[in-house]
Amino acid sequence: MTPSGENRPGDISEVKFLTVAEVAATMRVSKMTVYRLVHNGELPAVQVGRSFRINEDDVNEYLRKSFYNAG
């Protein structure tokens, strides 16, 4: 953060990363569905070793874009 309290571009100190299991629980889908979204490039993720971490803001953005307005 800058002295004025603003985040600098590329500053990830405030980013909250979620596990695949946490994303699956949030979205109420299976972990396999989350893995498919990540592997298809629909949900950005960072690979750490053999596991993935997903930015919470990316999950919220995906859900916002995917919202279906019936009627």
C-alpha atoms as a PDB file:
ATOM      1  CA  MET A   1       0.000   0.000   0.000  1.00  0.00           C
ATOM      2  CA  THR A   2       1.048   3.530  -0.643  1.00  0.00           C
ATOM      3  CA  PRO A   3       1.193   6.027   2.250  1.00  0.00           C
ATOM      4  CA  SER A   4      -2.257   7.266   1.173  1.00  0.00           C
ATOM      5  CA  GLY A   5      -3.660   3.765   1.770  1.00  0.00           C
ATOM      6  CA  GLU A   6      -4.095   2.846  -1.882  1.00  0.00           C
ATOM      7  CA  ASN A   7      -2.997  -0.500  -3.309  1.00  0.00           C
ATOM      8  CA  ARG A   8      -0.282  -0.279  -5.936  1.00  0.00           C
ATOM      9  CA  PRO A   9      -0.827  -2.113  -9.209  1.00  0.00           C
ATOM     10  CA  GLY A  10       0.416  -5.666  -8.802  1.00  0.00           C
ATOM     11  CA  ASP A  11       0.279  -5.495  -4.970  1.00  0.00           C
ATOM     12  CA  ILE A  12      -1.058  -8.869  -3.840  1.00  0.00           C
ATOM     13  CA  SER A  13      -0.582  -8.402  -0.101  1.00  0.00           C
ATOM     14  CA  GLU A  14      -4.345  -7.957   0.370  1.00  0.00           C
ATOM     15  CA  VAL A  15      -5.429 -10.787  -1.954  1.00  0.00           C
ATOM     16  CA  LYS A  16      -7.313 -13.648  -0.320  1.00  0.00           C
ATOM     17  CA  PHE A  17      -6.688 -16.990  -1.985  1.00  0.00           C
ATOM     18  CA  LEU A  18      -9.114 -19.897  -1.615  1.00  0.00           C
ATOM     19  CA  THR A  19      -8.558 -23.620  -2.027  1.00  0.00           C
ATOM     20  CA  VAL A  20     -10.518 -25.637  -4.566  1.00  0.00           C
ATOM     21  CA  ALA A  21     -12.554 -27.116  -1.702  1.00  0.00           C
ATOM     22  CA  GLU A  22     -13.418 -23.638  -0.375  1.00  0.00           C
ATOM     23  CA  VAL A  23     -14.472 -22.461  -3.831  1.00  0.00           C
ATOM     24  CA  ALA A  24     -16.574 -25.593  -4.313  1.00  0.00           C
ATOM     25  CA  ALA A  25     -18.301 -25.012  -0.967  1.00  0.00           C
ATOM     26  CA  THR A  26     -18.929 -21.346  -1.803  1.00  0.00           C
ATOM     27  CA  MET A  27     -20.383 -22.182  -5.210  1.00  0.00           C
ATOM     28  CA  ARG A  28     -22.130 -25.326  -3.889  1.00  0.00           C
ATOM     29  CA  VAL A  29     -20.646 -27.518  -6.597  1.00  0.00           C
ATOM     30  CA  SER A  30     -18.212 -30.429  -6.548  1.00  0.00           C
ATOM     31  CA  LYS A  31     -14.461 -29.971  -6.452  1.00  0.00           C
ATOM     32  CA  MET A  32     -14.325 -31.617  -9.885  1.00  0.00           C
ATOM     33  CA  THR A  33     -16.472 -28.790 -11.291  1.00  0.00           C
ATOM     34  CA  VAL A  34     -14.019 -26.225  -9.918  1.00  0.00           C
ATOM     35  CA  TYR A  35     -11.080 -28.152 -11.414  1.00  0.00           C
ATOM     36  CA  ARG A  36     -12.860 -28.158 -14.797  1.00  0.00           C
ATOM     37  CA  LEU A  37     -13.425 -24.386 -14.594  1.00  0.00           C
ATOM     38  CA  VAL A  38      -9.742 -23.867 -13.803  1.00  0.00           C
ATOM     39  CA  HIS A  39      -8.461 -26.212 -16.520  1.00  0.00           C
ATOM     40  CA  ASN A  40     -10.823 -24.709 -19.130  1.00  0.00           C
ATOM     41  CA  GLY A  41      -9.534 -21.225 -18.302  1.00  0.00           C
ATOM     42  CA  GLU A  42     -12.926 -19.997 -17.101  1.00  0.00           C
ATOM     43  CA  LEU A  43     -11.663 -19.428 -13.563  1.00  0.00           C
ATOM     44  CA  PRO A  44      -8.117 -18.054 -13.118  1.00  0.00           C
ATOM     45  CA  ALA A  45      -5.955 -19.885 -10.592  1.00  0.00           C
ATOM     46  CA  VAL A  46      -2.401 -20.081  -9.327  1.00  0.00           C
ATOM     47  CA  GLN A  47      -0.790 -23.481  -9.127  1.00  0.00           C
ATOM     48  CA  VAL A  48       1.205 -24.071  -5.957  1.00  0.00           C
ATOM     49  CA  GLY A  49       2.913 -27.419  -6.182  1.00  0.00           C
ATOM     50  CA  ARG A  50       0.169 -29.866  -7.096  1.00  0.00           C
ATOM     51  CA  SER A  51      -2.695 -27.751  -5.756  1.00  0.00           C
ATOM     52  CA  PHE A  52      -4.473 -24.645  -6.962  1.00  0.00           C
ATOM     53  CA  ARG A  53      -5.369 -21.388  -5.239  1.00  0.00           C
ATOM     54  CA  ILE A  54      -8.082 -19.122  -6.569  1.00  0.00           C
ATOM     55  CA  ASN A  55      -8.381 -15.410  -5.868  1.00  0.00           C
ATOM     56  CA  GLU A  56     -11.623 -14.737  -3.972  1.00  0.00           C
ATOM     57  CA  ASP A  57     -12.311 -11.700  -6.202  1.00  0.00           C
ATOM     58  CA  ASP A  58     -12.061 -13.919  -9.294  1.00  0.00           C
ATOM     59  CA  VAL A  59     -14.637 -16.306  -7.807  1.00  0.00           C
ATOM     60  CA  ASN A  60     -17.000 -13.416  -7.082  1.00  0.00           C
ATOM     61  CA  GLU A  61     -16.487 -12.012 -10.591  1.00  0.00           C
ATOM     62  CA  TYR A  62     -17.152 -15.417 -12.169  1.00  0.00           C
ATOM     63  CA  LEU A  63     -20.366 -15.783 -10.190  1.00  0.00           C
ATOM     64  CA  ARG A  64     -21.453 -12.238 -11.045  1.00  0.00           C
ATOM     65  CA  LYS A  65     -20.885 -12.820 -14.772  1.00  0.00           C
ATOM     66  CA  SER A  66     -22.571 -16.217 -14.659  1.00  0.00           C
ATOM     67  CA  PHE A  67     -25.702 -15.007 -12.921  1.00  0.00           C
ATOM     68  CA  TYR A  68     -28.741 -15.983 -14.971  1.00  0.00           C
ATOM     69  CA  ASN A  69     -31.721 -13.655 -14.766  1.00  0.00           C
ATOM     70  CA  ALA A  70     -34.815 -15.753 -15.427  1.00  0.00           C
ATOM     71  CA  GLY A  71     -37.960 -14.021 -16.530  1.00  0.00           C
END
